[in-house]
């Protein structure tokens, strides 16, 4: 690997409860983020007992000043919809104020609409609708969306991105629980085996893989998956994965959502 760099941990890290912590730098609406998501899901299924993780939103924006001026009327209750490329990232940070699981559900629903092109996900009103669909506290989300905290949280992510000199997304930085150890930044995307190898080398021990979940357990964990997600997690061909998914669709356990570009499978 050429895009590997050692670096120090940010000044205000989150607490580690497992030996390794992953900082995952993504632009949530970039197509590369979806490839990273497939890899991360397999890593979570097999090795989550070794690491915690957090997303760092690294959306490239010219300025947030225009957003600040344009949102005042909308977020104070005036019936006005606005659009801005920063809004999806701020919405994710607003959902994150309800916890990591809420943020994950919200981001997945946001990405689903982006993939299927069923909503304009840079629209304030559409992002409120997505909060309802992702079953988070909508009133709290609206309050947080219009608060300084969500904007500051997003700006903090952008600061971490600059501080750690992440100039390619997606990227992952691996940190050990040993404070004296430097982190390992891996820029860009690599094969799944590379990330497993890094985990093993940082732990300096043989790591054990958790048993694979059943299909039902997998959809309980992730709710919505692509055919590629399922194929990668179970190390089977996409054709095999699609046959298994269709069986569960006929059993009314999942539903298929598709357009010309993508097929998603969602728990019913």
Protein backbone atom coordinates (compact mmCIF):
# COMPACT_ATOMS: atom_id res chain seq x y z
CA UNK A 1 0.00 0.00 0.00
CA UNK A 2 1.27 3.46 -0.89
CA UNK A 3 -1.41 5.57 0.80
CA UNK A 4 -0.52 4.66 4.39
CA UNK A 5 0.67 7.20 6.94
CA UNK A 6 1.35 7.25 10.71
CA UNK A 7 -0.16 10.14 12.64
CA UNK A 8 -1.12 11.30 16.11
CA UNK A 9 -4.59 11.08 17.59
CA UNK A 10 -6.85 14.19 17.57
CA UNK A 11 -6.64 16.40 20.63
CA UNK A 12 -10.14 15.46 21.86
CA UNK A 13 -10.71 11.78 21.00
CA UNK A 14 -13.79 9.81 21.94
CA UNK A 15 -13.29 7.21 24.66
CA UNK A 16 -12.22 3.72 23.61
CA UNK A 17 -13.92 0.68 25.13
CA UNK A 18 -12.37 -1.83 22.71
CA UNK A 19 -8.72 -2.22 21.70
CA UNK A 20 -9.04 -0.40 18.35
CA UNK A 21 -10.94 2.69 17.24
CA UNK A 22 -11.68 3.50 13.60
CA UNK A 23 -12.17 7.02 12.27
CA UNK A 24 -14.00 6.56 8.96
CA UNK A 25 -13.76 9.65 6.74
CA UNK A 26 -16.53 9.74 4.15
CA UNK A 27 -18.64 12.00 2.01
CA UNK A 28 -21.96 10.22 2.70
CA UNK A 29 -23.35 10.92 -0.77
CA UNK A 30 -20.26 9.91 -2.76
CA UNK A 31 -20.56 6.56 -4.59
CA UNK A 32 -17.25 5.50 -3.01
CA UNK A 33 -18.89 5.78 0.42
CA UNK A 34 -21.19 2.91 -0.55
CA UNK A 35 -18.24 0.67 -1.40
CA UNK A 36 -16.68 1.54 1.94
CA UNK A 37 -19.99 0.78 3.62
CA UNK A 38 -20.07 -2.72 2.12
CA UNK A 39 -16.57 -3.41 3.42
CA UNK A 40 -17.37 -1.93 6.83
CA UNK A 41 -20.50 -4.04 7.21
CA UNK A 42 -18.51 -7.22 6.65
CA UNK A 43 -15.88 -6.00 9.12
CA UNK A 44 -18.60 -5.26 11.69
CA UNK A 45 -20.20 -8.66 11.23
CA UNK A 46 -16.94 -10.55 11.66
CA UNK A 47 -14.72 -8.43 13.92
CA UNK A 48 -16.77 -5.76 15.71
CA UNK A 49 -15.75 -7.28 19.06
CA UNK A 50 -12.31 -5.72 18.49
CA UNK A 51 -13.15 -2.14 17.54
CA UNK A 52 -15.35 0.89 17.94
CA UNK A 53 -15.91 3.28 15.06
CA UNK A 54 -17.15 6.72 14.16
CA UNK A 55 -17.91 8.46 10.89
CA UNK A 56 -16.17 11.75 10.18
CA UNK A 57 -18.11 13.64 7.52
CA UNK A 58 -15.70 15.10 4.98
CA UNK A 59 -18.04 16.73 2.49
CA UNK A 60 -16.17 19.25 0.36
CA UNK A 61 -17.89 22.65 0.50
CA UNK A 62 -16.95 26.10 -0.70
CA UNK A 63 -18.53 27.91 2.24
CA UNK A 64 -21.09 27.55 5.03
CA UNK A 65 -21.72 31.30 5.27
CA UNK A 66 -24.46 31.36 2.64
CA UNK A 67 -26.20 28.47 4.42
CA UNK A 68 -26.20 30.35 7.71
CA UNK A 69 -27.92 33.34 6.12
CA UNK A 70 -30.45 31.30 4.14
CA UNK A 71 -31.55 29.02 6.97
CA UNK A 72 -32.58 31.70 9.45
CA UNK A 73 -36.13 32.03 8.14
CA UNK A 74 -36.64 28.33 7.50
CA UNK A 75 -35.36 27.07 10.82
CA UNK A 76 -37.26 29.66 12.84
CA UNK A 77 -40.59 28.24 11.69
CA UNK A 78 -41.31 30.18 8.50
CA UNK A 79 -42.89 27.99 5.79
CA UNK A 80 -39.92 28.02 3.47
CA UNK A 81 -37.91 25.21 1.94
CA UNK A 82 -34.26 25.68 1.09
CA UNK A 83 -31.61 23.55 -0.55
CA UNK A 84 -27.88 23.52 0.11
CA UNK A 85 -25.17 20.85 -0.37
CA UNK A 86 -24.21 21.13 3.33
CA UNK A 87 -27.69 20.29 4.61
CA UNK A 88 -27.43 16.47 4.38
CA UNK A 89 -24.25 16.45 6.47
CA UNK A 90 -25.70 18.82 9.07
CA UNK A 91 -28.84 16.66 9.18
CA UNK A 92 -26.72 13.58 9.92
CA UNK A 93 -24.98 15.45 12.75
CA UNK A 94 -28.39 16.53 14.09
CA UNK A 95 -29.50 12.89 14.11
CA UNK A 96 -26.24 11.95 15.82
CA UNK A 97 -27.25 14.07 18.81
CA UNK A 98 -29.79 11.28 19.45
CA UNK A 99 -27.02 8.67 19.44
CA UNK A 100 -24.90 6.70 17.01
CA UNK A 101 -27.70 4.25 16.14
CA UNK A 102 -30.10 7.07 15.30
CA UNK A 103 -27.46 8.71 13.12
CA UNK A 104 -26.74 5.41 11.37
CA UNK A 105 -30.45 4.81 10.64
CA UNK A 106 -30.81 8.35 9.37
CA UNK A 107 -27.75 8.19 7.12
CA UNK A 108 -28.81 4.85 5.65
CA UNK A 109 -32.27 6.23 4.82
CA UNK A 110 -30.65 9.34 3.34
CA UNK A 111 -28.36 7.22 1.17
CA UNK A 112 -31.31 5.06 0.13
CA UNK A 113 -33.16 8.09 -1.24
CA UNK A 114 -29.99 9.36 -2.89
CA UNK A 115 -29.45 6.02 -4.61
CA UNK A 116 -33.06 5.59 -5.69
CA UNK A 117 -33.39 9.29 -6.58
CA UNK A 118 -36.71 9.44 -4.75
CA UNK A 119 -36.05 12.69 -2.89
CA UNK A 120 -33.98 15.82 -3.33
CA UNK A 121 -31.76 15.12 -0.33
CA UNK A 122 -30.29 18.65 -0.31
CA UNK A 123 -33.77 19.99 0.55
CA UNK A 124 -34.55 20.95 4.15
CA UNK A 125 -38.13 19.65 3.95
CA UNK A 126 -37.01 16.34 2.40
CA UNK A 127 -34.49 15.87 5.21
CA UNK A 128 -37.28 16.33 7.78
CA UNK A 129 -39.32 13.66 5.97
CA UNK A 130 -36.32 11.33 6.09
CA UNK A 131 -36.17 11.81 9.87
CA UNK A 132 -39.78 10.59 10.08
CA UNK A 133 -39.00 7.58 7.90
CA UNK A 134 -35.92 6.63 9.93
CA UNK A 135 -38.01 6.57 13.13
CA UNK A 136 -35.99 9.00 15.18
CA UNK A 137 -37.52 11.69 17.40
CA UNK A 138 -38.65 14.18 14.75
CA UNK A 139 -39.34 17.12 17.09
CA UNK A 140 -35.93 16.75 18.66
CA UNK A 141 -34.36 16.38 15.21
CA UNK A 142 -35.97 19.62 13.95
CA UNK A 143 -34.76 21.47 17.05
CA UNK A 144 -31.24 20.06 16.70
CA UNK A 145 -31.18 20.68 12.94
CA UNK A 146 -31.74 24.37 13.58
CA UNK A 147 -29.32 24.55 16.51
CA UNK A 148 -25.71 25.69 16.57
CA UNK A 149 -24.66 22.28 17.92
CA UNK A 150 -25.30 20.37 14.70
CA UNK A 151 -23.47 22.94 12.59
CA UNK A 152 -20.57 22.98 15.03
CA UNK A 153 -20.42 19.17 15.04
CA UNK A 154 -20.14 19.20 11.25
CA UNK A 155 -17.47 21.91 11.38
CA UNK A 156 -15.63 19.80 13.97
CA UNK A 157 -15.61 16.90 11.48
CA UNK A 158 -14.21 19.19 8.81
CA UNK A 159 -11.56 20.39 11.28
CA UNK A 160 -10.53 16.79 12.09
CA UNK A 161 -10.33 16.09 8.35
CA UNK A 162 -7.95 19.04 7.90
CA UNK A 163 -5.98 18.33 11.09
CA UNK A 164 -5.31 14.74 10.03
CA UNK A 165 -4.59 15.85 6.45
CA UNK A 166 -7.20 13.56 4.94
CA UNK A 167 -7.37 14.64 1.30
CA UNK A 168 -9.01 11.52 -0.13
CA UNK A 169 -12.35 10.05 0.85
CA UNK A 170 -13.14 7.46 1.85
CA UNK A 171 -10.21 6.91 4.20
CA UNK A 172 -9.86 5.09 7.53
CA UNK A 173 -7.58 5.88 10.44
CA UNK A 174 -6.90 3.06 12.92
CA UNK A 175 -6.04 4.01 16.51
CA UNK A 176 -4.91 1.67 19.27
CA UNK A 177 -6.03 1.98 22.90
CA UNK A 178 -2.35 2.51 23.71
CA UNK A 179 -2.13 6.30 23.74
CA UNK A 180 1.59 6.30 22.97
CA UNK A 181 1.02 4.44 19.67
CA UNK A 182 0.56 6.43 16.49
CA UNK A 183 -2.52 5.95 14.38
CA UNK A 184 -2.41 4.38 10.94
CA UNK A 185 -4.11 6.32 8.14
CA UNK A 186 -5.15 4.30 5.09
CA UNK A 187 -6.21 6.62 2.27
CA UNK A 188 -8.59 5.31 -0.38
CA UNK A 189 -10.15 1.87 -0.72
CA UNK A 190 -8.42 -1.51 -0.50
CA UNK A 191 -9.56 -5.11 -0.41
CA UNK A 192 -11.29 -6.39 2.71
CA UNK A 193 -8.31 -8.59 3.60
CA UNK A 194 -6.07 -5.53 3.96
CA UNK A 195 -8.24 -4.06 6.74
CA UNK A 196 -8.36 -7.40 8.56
CA UNK A 197 -4.57 -7.61 8.33
CA UNK A 198 -4.22 -4.11 9.79
CA UNK A 199 -6.47 -5.04 12.72
CA UNK A 200 -4.39 -8.11 13.38
CA UNK A 201 -1.08 -6.28 13.19
CA UNK A 202 -2.25 -3.48 15.49
CA UNK A 203 -3.51 -6.00 18.04
CA UNK A 204 -0.33 -8.07 17.63
CA UNK A 205 -2.26 -11.29 18.06
CA UNK A 206 -4.29 -13.80 16.09
CA UNK A 207 -7.82 -12.47 15.77
CA UNK A 208 -10.92 -14.65 15.66
CA UNK A 209 -13.89 -14.16 13.36
CA UNK A 210 -17.42 -14.14 14.81
CA UNK A 211 -19.91 -16.66 13.35
CA UNK A 212 -21.85 -15.23 10.41
CA UNK A 213 -25.42 -14.19 11.23
CA UNK A 214 -28.45 -15.71 9.57
CA UNK A 215 -30.15 -13.68 6.85
CA UNK A 216 -32.85 -12.65 9.33
CA UNK A 217 -30.23 -11.52 11.86
CA UNK A 218 -28.38 -9.61 9.15
CA UNK A 219 -31.48 -7.62 8.19
CA UNK A 220 -32.24 -7.01 11.86
CA UNK A 221 -28.80 -5.40 12.12
CA UNK A 222 -28.72 -3.36 8.89
CA UNK A 223 -32.40 -3.14 7.74
CA UNK A 224 -31.45 -2.25 4.13
CA UNK A 225 -28.75 -4.00 2.09
CA UNK A 226 -27.60 -4.20 -1.50
CA UNK A 227 -27.08 -7.50 -3.31
CA UNK A 228 -23.35 -6.76 -3.20
CA UNK A 229 -23.49 -6.28 0.59
CA UNK A 230 -24.98 -9.76 1.03
CA UNK A 231 -22.58 -11.34 -1.45
CA UNK A 232 -19.54 -9.81 0.27
CA UNK A 233 -20.64 -10.64 3.80
CA UNK A 234 -21.28 -14.31 3.00
CA UNK A 235 -18.44 -14.59 0.45
CA UNK A 236 -20.81 -15.84 -2.25
CA UNK A 237 -21.49 -14.70 -5.81
CA UNK A 238 -24.00 -11.93 -6.45
CA UNK A 239 -26.12 -14.44 -8.39
CA UNK A 240 -26.24 -16.75 -5.37
CA UNK A 241 -27.03 -13.81 -3.09
CA UNK A 242 -29.87 -12.66 -5.34
CA UNK A 243 -31.43 -16.15 -5.36
CA UNK A 244 -31.39 -16.25 -1.56
CA UNK A 245 -32.80 -12.74 -1.33
CA UNK A 246 -35.62 -13.54 -3.74
CA UNK A 247 -36.57 -16.56 -1.60
CA UNK A 248 -36.97 -14.28 1.42
CA UNK A 249 -38.89 -11.76 -0.67
CA UNK A 250 -41.37 -14.52 -1.58
CA UNK A 251 -41.62 -15.33 2.13
CA UNK A 252 -42.62 -11.68 2.70
CA UNK A 253 -39.60 -11.11 4.96
CA UNK A 254 -37.97 -8.46 2.82
CA UNK A 255 -38.95 -6.23 -0.09
CA UNK A 256 -37.05 -5.20 -3.19
CA UNK A 257 -36.70 -1.55 -4.15
CA UNK A 258 -35.12 -0.81 -7.48
CA UNK A 259 -34.54 1.72 -10.23
CA UNK A 260 -32.39 1.69 -13.36
CA UNK A 261 -29.18 2.08 -11.35
CA UNK A 262 -29.50 0.08 -8.13
CA UNK A 263 -31.41 -2.64 -6.28
CA UNK A 264 -31.92 -2.46 -2.53
CA UNK A 265 -33.43 -5.08 -0.21
CA UNK A 266 -35.24 -3.86 2.90
CA UNK A 267 -36.68 -5.65 5.89
CA UNK A 268 -40.48 -5.51 5.89
